[in-house]
């Protein structure tokens, strides 16, 4: 109920945004056509449908990308209004870009765009400022109350009760706690409200005389086997049961249940493990890298020729790197250094500005052309082949060399659990100017918060960083 509730809210808010965008577009269009201005205003039917459909799609997509829907039911008025501006401004800008690309000779009225932005902002703001009341009203009207019992009286049960109390506005009600045969159990538990503590033997009676939607277990793992009869009782009654799995409080992995044949497996995953979303990510990587190789092919041939003409040695540099879960692969780059660069690294190791990875701001091994290739990340273009093959992704932690991995601290090894990429959060935060620990922590932040929307955001924000060469050396 609890994690699915957030997904339902995203869908509902996204659909609401689509409807409000349609209303704002129609209102702006008719307002502009009715104004007695010098220039007549109208859209052909196909062009109007194109702009309207694009707007209806763009606004919810931006809401998902900016994670606006994740906080609508809890955000304050100031945050809601700021999110409306952050969502509407790029939406209107995207409409301008679309009409320029598709119908350049027929510019959209600036007054119409201003009206669209105004109406859309007002409608979204009014709806979102009342969204919490609407969500509560919907819970009362359609969901009634959702009654739960908590098995356990210890700290875990208290924390669970406190989290459930936060959902009271949405109809969640705690009926009380059940003593899990613990000694010195209290007669009642005081949280924001006071709740009775019943002996576990009273559960059959409670299920008969009270409406109970769920029974939540927040007990020590050693007591779960003792409560098998309680689980069987709930199963026979058809009452949903849940277990608070906080046996390892310092483990931050995602938890989910799988089955191997008839054996249930509780899975701890410290990296993204949604196979459907990862497949979509792989399809995006394959498609965009193939397109990139096709578009850049003539320029890559020119770069390769310039490398061969300006310094001795091959145009392509090959190096063994560590990929997903430590798998080794050959990484390809345009050669930006002299031919014996790897042999000279040992004599320059003491000059490295990073604690684990080798990095020099003014590396004497760089060729004049290589320095320019590095600055604008042109030397990375051949890695599109690595992305196409599946060794790498467009977005992910940078692939380290094996010798670097051997010097990792234990917590840093988790970055190997995500397929390495061409760019990541560290690119946006400062590229080569970041210290090693900050670089590693940004990779962990990416892994912990990964989504397809985050990948798209990083890719789009990487483009200006690469074009300007900011932060690279």
Protein backbone atom coordinates (compact mmCIF):
# COMPACT_ATOMS: atom_id res chain seq x y z
CA UNK A 1 0.00 0.00 0.00
CA UNK A 2 2.66 2.48 1.06
CA UNK A 3 5.16 2.49 -1.84
CA UNK A 4 2.39 1.86 -4.37
CA UNK A 5 0.55 4.89 -3.01
CA UNK A 6 3.37 7.15 -4.21
CA UNK A 7 3.25 5.62 -7.69
CA UNK A 8 -0.52 6.12 -7.83
CA UNK A 9 -0.12 9.76 -6.85
CA UNK A 10 2.43 10.27 -9.64
CA UNK A 11 -0.03 8.86 -12.17
CA UNK A 12 -2.93 10.92 -10.83
CA UNK A 13 -0.94 14.17 -10.72
CA UNK A 14 0.46 13.48 -14.21
CA UNK A 15 -3.02 12.95 -15.63
CA UNK A 16 -4.23 16.09 -13.86
CA UNK A 17 -1.36 18.08 -15.39
CA UNK A 18 -2.27 16.78 -18.85
CA UNK A 19 -5.90 17.88 -18.44
CA UNK A 20 -4.90 21.28 -17.04
CA UNK A 21 -2.43 21.77 -19.91
CA UNK A 22 -5.24 21.10 -22.40
CA UNK A 23 -7.47 23.63 -20.65
CA UNK A 24 -4.68 26.23 -20.51
CA UNK A 25 -3.86 25.75 -24.21
CA UNK A 26 -7.51 26.13 -25.29
CA UNK A 27 -8.02 29.15 -23.03
CA UNK A 28 -4.87 30.86 -24.33
CA UNK A 29 -5.82 30.12 -27.94
CA UNK A 30 -9.34 31.51 -27.69
CA UNK A 31 -8.25 34.50 -25.63
CA UNK A 32 -5.70 35.41 -28.30
CA UNK A 33 -8.17 34.95 -31.19
CA UNK A 34 -10.76 37.16 -29.48
CA UNK A 35 -8.38 40.03 -28.80
CA UNK A 36 -8.85 42.84 -31.37
CA UNK A 37 -5.19 43.18 -32.31
CA UNK A 38 -3.70 44.29 -35.60
CA UNK A 39 -2.38 40.87 -36.63
CA UNK A 40 -4.91 38.07 -37.09
CA UNK A 41 -4.13 34.90 -35.16
CA UNK A 42 -4.99 31.32 -36.01
CA UNK A 43 -3.45 27.83 -36.29
CA UNK A 44 -4.09 25.33 -39.00
CA UNK A 45 -5.77 22.27 -37.54
CA UNK A 46 -2.77 19.93 -37.94
CA UNK A 47 -0.33 22.47 -36.48
CA UNK A 48 -2.66 23.19 -33.56
CA UNK A 49 -3.05 19.50 -32.76
CA UNK A 50 0.72 19.05 -32.96
CA UNK A 51 1.46 21.89 -30.51
CA UNK A 52 -1.38 20.91 -28.20
CA UNK A 53 -0.38 17.24 -28.12
CA UNK A 54 3.26 18.13 -27.53
CA UNK A 55 2.31 20.45 -24.64
CA UNK A 56 0.06 17.81 -23.05
CA UNK A 57 2.95 15.33 -23.18
CA UNK A 58 5.75 17.74 -22.24
CA UNK A 59 4.28 19.09 -18.99
CA UNK A 60 3.81 15.70 -17.23
CA UNK A 61 7.18 14.48 -18.53
CA UNK A 62 8.86 17.54 -17.04
CA UNK A 63 6.97 16.93 -13.80
CA UNK A 64 8.37 13.40 -13.63
CA UNK A 65 11.86 14.54 -14.60
CA UNK A 66 11.93 17.28 -11.97
CA UNK A 67 10.35 14.89 -9.42
CA UNK A 68 7.62 17.42 -8.73
CA UNK A 69 5.01 14.71 -8.14
CA UNK A 70 7.05 13.06 -5.39
CA UNK A 71 6.48 15.95 -2.99
CA UNK A 72 3.15 17.50 -4.00
CA UNK A 73 1.22 16.04 -1.11
CA UNK A 74 3.77 17.20 1.48
CA UNK A 75 5.35 20.38 0.05
CA UNK A 76 4.60 23.84 1.39
CA UNK A 77 3.05 26.64 -0.72
CA UNK A 78 6.42 28.26 -1.52
CA UNK A 79 7.91 25.00 -2.80
CA UNK A 80 4.78 24.25 -4.83
CA UNK A 81 4.89 27.65 -6.56
CA UNK A 82 8.62 27.31 -7.26
CA UNK A 83 8.03 23.88 -8.81
CA UNK A 84 5.25 25.29 -11.00
CA UNK A 85 7.65 27.89 -12.41
CA UNK A 86 10.39 25.27 -12.91
CA UNK A 87 7.96 23.07 -14.81
CA UNK A 88 6.10 25.66 -16.91
CA UNK A 89 9.10 27.68 -18.10
CA UNK A 90 10.89 24.85 -19.98
CA UNK A 91 7.53 23.55 -21.25
CA UNK A 92 6.78 26.85 -23.00
CA UNK A 93 10.38 27.06 -24.23
CA UNK A 94 10.05 23.55 -25.69
CA UNK A 95 6.90 24.63 -27.58
CA UNK A 96 8.79 27.58 -29.06
CA UNK A 97 11.61 25.24 -30.13
CA UNK A 98 9.17 22.78 -31.68
CA UNK A 99 7.37 25.37 -33.76
CA UNK A 100 10.72 26.79 -34.91
CA UNK A 101 11.87 23.37 -36.08
CA UNK A 102 8.58 22.21 -37.62
CA UNK A 103 7.03 25.43 -38.91
CA UNK A 104 9.71 28.12 -38.97
CA UNK A 105 7.85 30.35 -41.45
CA UNK A 106 4.80 30.47 -39.15
CA UNK A 107 6.01 31.89 -35.81
CA UNK A 108 3.75 31.43 -32.82
CA UNK A 109 2.32 34.62 -31.33
CA UNK A 110 4.36 35.78 -28.37
CA UNK A 111 1.16 36.94 -26.67
CA UNK A 112 -0.30 33.45 -27.09
CA UNK A 113 2.83 31.93 -25.48
CA UNK A 114 2.65 34.42 -22.61
CA UNK A 115 -1.03 33.61 -22.07
CA UNK A 116 -0.31 29.89 -22.21
CA UNK A 117 2.44 30.22 -19.61
CA UNK A 118 0.22 32.39 -17.40
CA UNK A 119 -2.88 30.19 -17.60
CA UNK A 120 -0.87 27.01 -17.14
CA UNK A 121 0.96 28.39 -14.10
CA UNK A 122 -2.25 29.60 -12.48
CA UNK A 123 -4.13 26.33 -13.08
CA UNK A 124 -1.26 24.15 -11.85
CA UNK A 125 -0.70 26.35 -8.79
CA UNK A 126 -4.38 26.39 -7.81
CA UNK A 127 -4.72 22.64 -8.27
CA UNK A 128 -1.55 21.81 -6.35
CA UNK A 129 -2.24 24.17 -3.48
CA UNK A 130 -5.49 22.29 -2.95
CA UNK A 131 -4.09 18.85 -3.83
CA UNK A 132 -3.55 17.81 -0.22
CA UNK A 133 -7.18 18.55 0.61
CA UNK A 134 -8.27 16.73 -2.56
CA UNK A 135 -6.17 13.69 -1.65
CA UNK A 136 -7.68 13.61 1.83
CA UNK A 137 -11.18 14.01 0.43
CA UNK A 138 -10.54 11.18 -2.03
CA UNK A 139 -9.31 8.97 0.82
CA UNK A 140 -12.47 9.67 2.82
CA UNK A 141 -14.82 9.28 -0.14
CA UNK A 142 -13.34 6.29 -1.94
CA UNK A 143 -10.91 4.62 0.40
CA UNK A 144 -12.64 5.05 3.77
CA UNK A 145 -10.26 4.22 6.62
CA UNK A 146 -7.50 1.62 6.46
CA UNK A 147 -7.17 -0.14 9.81
CA UNK A 148 -3.92 -1.82 10.86
CA UNK A 149 -2.62 -3.77 13.84
CA UNK A 150 1.07 -3.79 14.75
CA UNK A 151 2.62 -6.93 16.23
CA UNK A 152 5.48 -5.93 18.52
CA UNK A 153 6.15 -3.41 21.27
CA UNK A 154 9.85 -2.65 20.84
CA UNK A 155 11.69 0.26 19.17
CA UNK A 156 11.00 -1.12 15.68
CA UNK A 157 7.26 -1.19 16.40
CA UNK A 158 7.43 2.38 17.72
CA UNK A 159 9.17 3.61 14.55
CA UNK A 160 6.64 1.81 12.38
CA UNK A 161 3.79 3.36 14.34
CA UNK A 162 5.26 6.85 13.95
CA UNK A 163 5.52 6.40 10.17
CA UNK A 164 1.93 5.14 9.98
CA UNK A 165 0.69 8.13 11.97
CA UNK A 166 2.03 10.39 9.21
CA UNK A 167 -0.51 8.77 6.87
CA UNK A 168 -3.55 9.53 9.05
CA UNK A 169 -4.64 12.26 6.64
CA UNK A 170 -5.01 9.56 3.99
CA UNK A 171 -7.18 7.28 6.09
CA UNK A 172 -4.61 5.04 7.82
CA UNK A 173 -5.62 4.20 11.40
CA UNK A 174 -3.68 2.18 13.99
CA UNK A 175 -6.04 -0.01 16.01
CA UNK A 176 -3.38 -0.93 18.54
CA UNK A 177 -0.34 -3.09 19.22
CA UNK A 178 -0.05 -6.82 19.94
CA UNK A 179 2.41 -8.09 22.52
CA UNK A 180 4.73 -10.58 20.80
CA UNK A 181 5.14 -12.55 24.07
CA UNK A 182 7.77 -10.11 25.29
CA UNK A 183 8.29 -9.77 29.00
CA UNK A 184 7.39 -6.47 30.68
CA UNK A 185 5.33 -5.31 27.70
CA UNK A 186 3.49 -2.04 28.44
CA UNK A 187 -0.29 -1.86 28.74
CA UNK A 188 -0.35 0.92 26.14
CA UNK A 189 2.01 2.76 23.82
CA UNK A 190 2.18 6.54 23.62
CA UNK A 191 3.05 8.06 20.24
CA UNK A 192 1.21 11.07 18.87
CA UNK A 193 -1.83 9.18 20.17
CA UNK A 194 -2.25 6.57 22.90
CA UNK A 195 -2.76 2.99 21.68
CA UNK A 196 -3.73 -0.15 23.63
CA UNK A 197 -1.45 -3.20 23.73
CA UNK A 198 -3.31 -6.52 23.38
CA UNK A 199 -1.94 -9.99 24.11
CA UNK A 200 -1.18 -11.88 20.91
CA UNK A 201 -3.72 -14.55 21.88
CA UNK A 202 -6.51 -11.98 21.41
CA UNK A 203 -5.81 -11.62 17.69
CA UNK A 204 -8.52 -14.14 16.58
CA UNK A 205 -11.10 -12.22 18.60
CA UNK A 206 -9.90 -8.86 17.26
CA UNK A 207 -10.18 -10.12 13.68
CA UNK A 208 -13.76 -11.21 14.37
CA UNK A 209 -15.08 -8.09 16.09
CA UNK A 210 -13.02 -5.35 14.46
CA UNK A 211 -12.36 -4.33 10.88
CA UNK A 212 -8.68 -5.14 10.31
CA UNK A 213 -7.21 -4.49 6.86
CA UNK A 214 -3.58 -5.38 7.60
CA UNK A 215 -1.39 -6.83 10.34
CA UNK A 216 2.17 -5.49 10.40
CA UNK A 217 4.94 -7.39 12.19
CA UNK A 218 7.72 -5.35 13.78
CA UNK A 219 9.45 -7.96 15.91
CA UNK A 220 12.93 -9.30 16.45
CA UNK A 221 13.91 -11.80 13.76
CA UNK A 222 14.43 -14.51 16.39
CA UNK A 223 10.69 -14.39 17.21
CA UNK A 224 9.36 -14.80 13.66
CA UNK A 225 9.41 -18.59 13.85
CA UNK A 226 7.40 -18.43 17.09
CA UNK A 227 4.69 -16.46 15.31
CA UNK A 228 4.03 -19.00 12.54
CA UNK A 229 0.55 -19.72 13.92
CA UNK A 230 -0.26 -16.01 13.81
CA UNK A 231 0.75 -15.86 10.13
CA UNK A 232 -1.38 -18.93 9.38
CA UNK A 233 -4.35 -17.35 11.17
CA UNK A 234 -4.07 -14.17 9.08
CA UNK A 235 -3.63 -16.27 5.94
CA UNK A 236 -6.80 -18.25 6.67
CA UNK A 237 -8.73 -15.07 7.43
CA UNK A 238 -7.45 -13.45 4.23
CA UNK A 239 -5.87 -10.57 6.13
CA UNK A 240 -2.80 -9.04 4.47
CA UNK A 241 0.38 -9.25 6.54
CA UNK A 242 3.65 -7.34 6.24
CA UNK A 243 7.00 -7.69 8.00
CA UNK A 244 9.16 -4.69 8.87
CA UNK A 245 12.56 -5.92 7.65
CA UNK A 246 14.94 -3.78 9.68
CA UNK A 247 17.05 -6.66 10.98
CA UNK A 248 20.16 -4.92 9.63
CA UNK A 249 19.55 -1.22 10.37
CA UNK A 250 22.78 -0.02 8.74
CA UNK A 251 22.17 -1.78 5.42
CA UNK A 252 20.77 0.66 2.86
CA UNK A 253 20.05 -1.89 0.11
CA UNK A 254 16.66 -2.06 -1.55
CA UNK A 255 14.61 -5.04 -0.41
CA UNK A 256 12.22 -7.15 -2.44
CA UNK A 257 10.88 -10.68 -2.44
CA UNK A 258 11.59 -13.19 -5.20
CA UNK A 259 10.91 -16.87 -5.63
CA UNK A 260 13.21 -19.66 -6.76
CA UNK A 261 10.74 -22.40 -7.53
CA UNK A 262 8.72 -22.67 -4.35
CA UNK A 263 11.41 -21.07 -2.17
CA UNK A 264 10.82 -17.38 -1.25
CA UNK A 265 14.00 -15.28 -1.27
CA UNK A 266 14.32 -11.93 0.47
CA UNK A 267 16.68 -9.96 -1.76
CA UNK A 268 18.95 -7.08 -0.70
CA UNK A 269 20.11 -5.03 -3.69
CA UNK A 270 22.67 -2.26 -3.28
CA UNK A 271 22.36 -1.18 -6.93
CA UNK A 272 19.44 -0.69 -9.38
CA UNK A 273 17.90 -4.06 -10.16
CA UNK A 274 14.68 -3.31 -12.06
CA UNK A 275 15.27 -5.44 -15.14
CA UNK A 276 12.62 -3.67 -17.21
CA UNK A 277 14.06 -0.20 -16.58
CA UNK A 278 17.61 -1.47 -17.08
CA UNK A 279 16.51 -2.96 -20.42
CA UNK A 280 15.10 0.42 -21.44
CA UNK A 281 18.41 2.01 -20.41
CA UNK A 282 20.27 -0.52 -22.57
CA UNK A 283 18.00 0.17 -25.56
CA UNK A 284 18.65 3.89 -25.14
CA UNK A 285 22.40 3.26 -24.94
CA UNK A 286 22.41 1.10 -28.06
CA UNK A 287 20.26 3.48 -30.10
CA UNK A 288 22.04 6.71 -29.14
CA UNK A 289 25.55 5.24 -29.44
CA UNK A 290 24.75 3.82 -32.88
CA UNK A 291 23.37 7.20 -33.96
CA UNK A 292 26.43 8.94 -32.49
CA UNK A 293 28.85 6.67 -34.33
CA UNK A 294 27.06 7.26 -37.63
CA UNK A 295 26.92 11.05 -37.20
CA UNK A 296 30.48 11.38 -35.90
CA UNK A 297 32.10 8.89 -38.29
CA UNK A 298 33.55 11.48 -40.75
CA UNK A 299 34.77 13.67 -37.89
CA UNK A 300 36.35 10.67 -36.16
CA UNK A 301 38.22 9.80 -39.34
CA UNK A 302 39.51 13.39 -39.47
CA UNK A 303 40.60 13.27 -35.81
CA UNK A 304 42.37 9.94 -36.36
CA UNK A 305 44.20 11.38 -39.36
CA UNK A 306 45.29 14.46 -37.39
CA UNK A 307 46.62 12.27 -34.56
CA UNK A 308 48.70 10.20 -36.97
CA UNK A 309 50.06 13.33 -38.69
CA UNK A 310 50.99 15.23 -35.52
CA UNK A 311 52.65 12.51 -33.39
CA UNK A 312 54.07 9.01 -33.86
CA UNK A 313 51.92 6.07 -32.77
CA UNK A 314 48.44 4.65 -33.38
CA UNK A 315 45.35 6.86 -33.48
CA UNK A 316 43.40 4.63 -31.09
CA UNK A 317 44.58 3.95 -27.54
CA UNK A 318 43.47 0.67 -25.94
CA UNK A 319 43.44 0.03 -22.21
CA UNK A 320 41.99 -2.67 -19.95
CA UNK A 321 39.32 -1.30 -17.62
CA UNK A 322 36.92 -2.75 -15.02
CA UNK A 323 33.26 -2.82 -15.94
CA UNK A 324 30.06 -4.14 -14.38
CA UNK A 325 30.82 -6.13 -11.21
CA UNK A 326 34.55 -6.01 -12.03
CA UNK A 327 34.36 -7.61 -15.51
CA UNK A 328 37.37 -6.53 -17.55
CA UNK A 329 37.09 -5.12 -21.05
CA UNK A 330 39.18 -3.16 -23.54
CA UNK A 331 38.35 0.54 -23.57
CA UNK A 332 38.97 2.60 -26.72
CA UNK A 333 40.04 6.24 -26.83
CA UNK A 334 41.70 8.56 -29.27
CA UNK A 335 45.36 8.69 -28.28
CA UNK A 336 46.01 12.03 -26.57
CA UNK A 337 49.49 11.27 -25.18
CA UNK A 338 52.88 10.31 -26.46
CA UNK A 339 53.43 6.72 -27.48
CA UNK A 340 55.31 5.67 -24.31
CA UNK A 341 52.90 7.38 -21.87
CA UNK A 342 52.11 4.27 -19.84
CA UNK A 343 55.80 3.46 -19.33
CA UNK A 344 56.42 6.98 -18.01
CA UNK A 345 53.50 6.98 -15.53
CA UNK A 346 55.56 5.50 -12.67
CA UNK A 347 58.04 8.40 -12.73
CA UNK A 348 55.17 10.91 -12.53
CA UNK A 349 53.06 9.10 -9.91
CA UNK A 350 54.22 11.38 -7.08
CA UNK A 351 52.72 14.40 -8.91
CA UNK A 352 49.17 12.99 -9.04
CA UNK A 353 46.56 15.33 -7.53
CA UNK A 354 44.13 12.51 -6.66
CA UNK A 355 44.63 10.02 -3.85
CA UNK A 356 43.81 6.82 -5.76
CA UNK A 357 43.25 7.61 -9.43
CA UNK A 358 46.22 9.00 -11.37
CA UNK A 359 45.54 12.57 -12.55
CA UNK A 360 47.85 15.46 -13.51
CA UNK A 361 46.58 18.98 -14.34
CA UNK A 362 49.48 19.64 -16.74
CA UNK A 363 50.51 16.16 -17.79
CA UNK A 364 53.80 16.46 -19.75
CA UNK A 365 52.89 13.32 -21.72
CA UNK A 366 50.00 15.07 -23.50
CA UNK A 367 50.55 16.01 -27.13
CA UNK A 368 49.47 19.51 -28.26
CA UNK A 369 46.55 18.01 -30.16
CA UNK A 370 45.79 15.62 -27.29
CA UNK A 371 45.45 18.50 -24.84
CA UNK A 372 42.76 19.96 -27.08
CA UNK A 373 41.05 16.59 -27.51
CA UNK A 374 40.97 16.09 -23.74
CA UNK A 375 39.57 19.55 -23.02
CA UNK A 376 36.46 18.96 -25.16
CA UNK A 377 36.23 15.19 -24.46
CA UNK A 378 36.75 14.36 -28.13
CA UNK A 379 39.18 11.63 -27.08
CA UNK A 380 36.19 9.80 -25.55
CA UNK A 381 34.28 9.46 -28.85
CA UNK A 382 35.52 5.92 -29.63
CA UNK A 383 33.94 4.75 -26.37
CA UNK A 384 30.60 4.92 -28.18
CA UNK A 385 31.76 1.57 -29.58
CA UNK A 386 32.12 0.28 -26.00
CA UNK A 387 28.59 1.51 -25.29
CA UNK A 388 27.28 -0.19 -28.45
CA UNK A 389 28.90 -3.48 -27.41
CA UNK A 390 27.48 -3.29 -23.90
CA UNK A 391 30.78 -2.83 -22.04
CA UNK A 392 29.66 0.65 -21.01
CA UNK A 393 26.60 2.88 -20.77
CA UNK A 394 26.15 6.50 -21.76
CA UNK A 395 25.63 7.44 -18.09
CA UNK A 396 27.36 5.72 -15.19
CA UNK A 397 30.52 5.75 -13.06
CA UNK A 398 33.72 6.03 -15.07
CA UNK A 399 35.44 2.67 -15.69
CA UNK A 400 38.58 2.39 -13.52
CA UNK A 401 41.83 0.59 -14.35
CA UNK A 402 42.41 -2.66 -12.39
CA UNK A 403 45.33 -1.20 -10.41
CA UNK A 404 43.08 1.59 -9.18
CA UNK A 405 40.39 -0.86 -8.06
CA UNK A 406 42.95 -2.74 -5.98
CA UNK A 407 43.47 0.44 -3.92
CA UNK A 408 39.75 1.08 -3.37
CA UNK A 409 38.35 1.25 0.12
CA UNK A 410 35.53 -1.23 0.67
CA UNK A 411 32.72 1.34 0.33
CA UNK A 412 34.18 2.56 -2.97
CA UNK A 413 33.86 -0.88 -4.57
CA UNK A 414 30.09 -0.50 -4.77
CA UNK A 415 30.52 1.76 -7.79
CA UNK A 416 31.45 -1.38 -9.74
CA UNK A 417 27.85 -2.62 -9.32
CA UNK A 418 26.63 -0.24 -12.04
CA UNK A 419 27.66 -0.44 -15.68
CA UNK A 420 30.34 2.25 -16.25
CA UNK A 421 29.51 5.25 -18.40
CA UNK A 422 30.77 8.19 -20.41
CA UNK A 423 29.36 10.79 -18.03
CA UNK A 424 27.82 10.98 -14.56
CA UNK A 425 27.12 13.41 -11.72
CA UNK A 426 30.81 14.19 -11.29
CA UNK A 427 30.82 15.71 -14.79
CA UNK A 428 28.21 18.23 -13.71
CA UNK A 429 29.89 18.96 -10.38
CA UNK A 430 33.34 19.89 -11.64
CA UNK A 431 34.85 17.06 -13.71
CA UNK A 432 38.60 16.77 -13.12
CA UNK A 433 38.67 19.41 -10.36
CA UNK A 434 36.89 17.14 -7.86
CA UNK A 435 38.88 15.28 -5.22
CA UNK A 436 38.73 11.50 -5.35
CA UNK A 437 36.40 10.96 -2.37
CA UNK A 438 33.89 13.50 -3.70
CA UNK A 439 34.03 11.79 -7.07
CA UNK A 440 33.31 8.42 -5.44
CA UNK A 441 30.46 9.78 -3.30
CA UNK A 442 28.80 11.34 -6.34
CA UNK A 443 28.92 7.93 -8.04
CA UNK A 444 27.23 6.41 -4.97
CA UNK A 445 24.61 9.17 -5.06
CA UNK A 446 23.93 8.32 -8.70
CA UNK A 447 23.57 4.60 -7.94
CA UNK A 448 21.26 5.22 -4.97
CA UNK A 449 19.00 7.62 -6.91
CA UNK A 450 19.20 6.14 -10.39
CA UNK A 451 16.27 6.55 -12.76
CA UNK A 452 15.83 6.98 -16.51
CA UNK A 453 14.86 10.59 -15.87
CA UNK A 454 18.13 11.17 -14.01
CA UNK A 455 20.06 9.68 -16.95
CA UNK A 456 18.33 12.04 -19.39
CA UNK A 457 18.97 15.00 -17.10
CA UNK A 458 22.69 14.17 -16.83
CA UNK A 459 23.02 13.70 -20.59
CA UNK A 460 21.37 17.04 -21.35
CA UNK A 461 23.41 18.93 -18.74
CA UNK A 462 26.64 17.29 -19.91
CA UNK A 463 26.37 18.81 -23.40
CA UNK A 464 27.17 22.43 -22.39
CA UNK A 465 29.94 21.20 -20.06
CA UNK A 466 31.61 19.35 -22.92
CA UNK A 467 31.13 22.15 -25.47
CA UNK A 468 32.75 24.73 -23.18
CA UNK A 469 35.44 22.33 -21.90
CA UNK A 470 34.76 23.57 -18.37
CA UNK A 471 36.40 21.58 -15.58
CA UNK A 472 38.56 19.33 -17.80
CA UNK A 473 42.32 19.01 -17.92
